[in-house]
Amino acid sequence: MSNSFWQAKIQGLLYDFDRDRLRNSTGENAQVFLNALESVNPAPTVSQAYQIAEASDRALLNGLQLPLSLPTLKVAHLLSGAELPLSVNITDYYRLTSPSPADSPPNSPESIDSRQLFWWLWRCLPEAVSQRLGEDALLMPAVPLLPDASVWSQASLTAALAGALTDPNSSPPHLATFSFSPVQELIKASRKMRDFWAGSWVLHYLSAKLCWRLAQCYGPDSLIYPSLFQQPLIDHWLGQTWAEFRPWIPQPSASALLTAGFPNVIVALLPAKDVKSAMQTARQTLLAEWSRIGQLVFAELRRRHWMPDLGENSATWSGWLGSQWQTYWTALPIGVNPLTNQAIAASDAAQLQTWLDPMNRLCQLQDTPDQRRALFLPEELEFMRAVYEKDPSMRVNVGSWWSYLFDQLRYAAGTVKNSRVWQVPTAFLPRSTVSGIGSVVYPDPDQRHTTEGDTGKYWERQVGLFDGIEELNATETLKRGLHQVLPQLLGGWGELTGVGFLLLGGD
């Protein structure tokens, strides 16, 4: 992506912060990055991104300009509403999140690649601030009056929108979802506890790897789900890419790296023109990493002299592994142009309705005799107009439909998934004794006359991984040998300690 793309994201990320206060609220090591910030006024699209990230409800509250006298900061749980007081000094908070009209230029400006600078600001700046103000600084609310999200989360979303809006003449940004399957079949086809772990972890690794690849192209903020912040694998790869980030991102422990958690579904906010290429990148990354794991495990089996006649291009090995995954994706625009609207006054009701109707159709929000679902509800509209009288610059925006857009994206993904035509490849050899799915790994080229007795002779070789009785397909064999290739797969393994029983061959 271009330098202007990354600069727009930097402006969006720091839109709500006073840069001078940031310099005073971080340590000495952080100054080299903060001094690399360009002193420019945010582009109009960045301001628009901030409004959409706030959504219409927060924009309304800010438009009221209510005087607040809060003794302490707090955050509230999204579902229960339970409040958590924070130890961050409220004066420090307001100083940090009240941008000055003009930031002071750094005394000694540094030159850092815009992509690297954005990654540092996104991942390390919150850590640098929390090291000075306390760990609760990671939870500072974006809006104290409505403390339902942290200032860092809103900054990340603003950055994602700012990057996606870099070209104001293009189509609206899109929410895209990518997924791969089968999942449950891969995990449950296990005989040992280590096999269960390997199935879960390899899914976790593949998802993390494609998220990492997309983040390198479009920024970590673009991944709406899952969040990449403080993810052990992402931090591990960040430290390998930029060692200068280590003061804020310690090397994750072995147990953290070996704990599965990434889902097989991702949601990304992308420029409209990049959606197809991003989804193709995700698919290619998934297949390339899966192939790499297969190559590493095969090399380990070859080193142990297991089935010497088996070739890596055998139909029972690479043929099966190459048919393992089906991928599918879908995308929806976050709204219709224009993404904001100022026709709030009662005299402009017809103009506002012309803007609302396409948004409600996009989100399938039709009124029924029993329920009014289309936005905005009469009570909302009345409140908006009252605020508009006090602040005529106020606008409503497509952020109000954010949750409904996610619903539609989920429905669309389900439709695509239900229409898939992927099937398990036909097995002509004896099948796996664990799952009953797929041909067992076997080197005989004449598959038509292979019996269970023929394959059983080859599977008598245990080589420290098998029991001499079981016969596995290629995916199950890969899972059985996964723990042996983790050092090559992750890299930098010499830095890690305490791997535990998984790498010691425990069941």
Foldseek 3Di string as FASTA:
>chain_A
DDLLLLLLLVCLLCVQFALVLLVVLFDPLCVLLSLQRDFDDHDPQLVVLLDLLCFQVNLLVVLVVDDDDDQFFWAAEPPPRDIDTDPFHVVSVCNTRHYDPGHDRDPDRHHDRSLVSSQCCLAQSQLRNCVRRNPCSQQGACDRVHRHGRVSLSSLSSSLSSSLCSPVPAWFWKKKKKFKDDQVLCQQLDDDPLSNLLSQLVLQVLLVQLLLVLCSVRNQSQWPPPRPHPQLLSLLVVCVVPVSSCVRRPRDALVSSSDGDHDRMIIGTHHPVCPVVSNVSSVVSSLVLLVVLLVLLVVVCVVLVAQVLADCPDCLACVQSVQHMDMDMDMDGLAGPPFKDLQLAPVSVVVVVVRQVRLCVSLVQDADPVGRGGPDDPVVSVSSNVSCVSPSVRIGGSSNCVVSNVVVRVVVRVVRVVPDDRDQDDALAQAWPRNRGGHFRDNDPPSNPHHPVRVLVSLLDCSLQHDSGTTHGNSSSSSSRSLVCVCVSSPPCVVHDDNPVSNVSDD
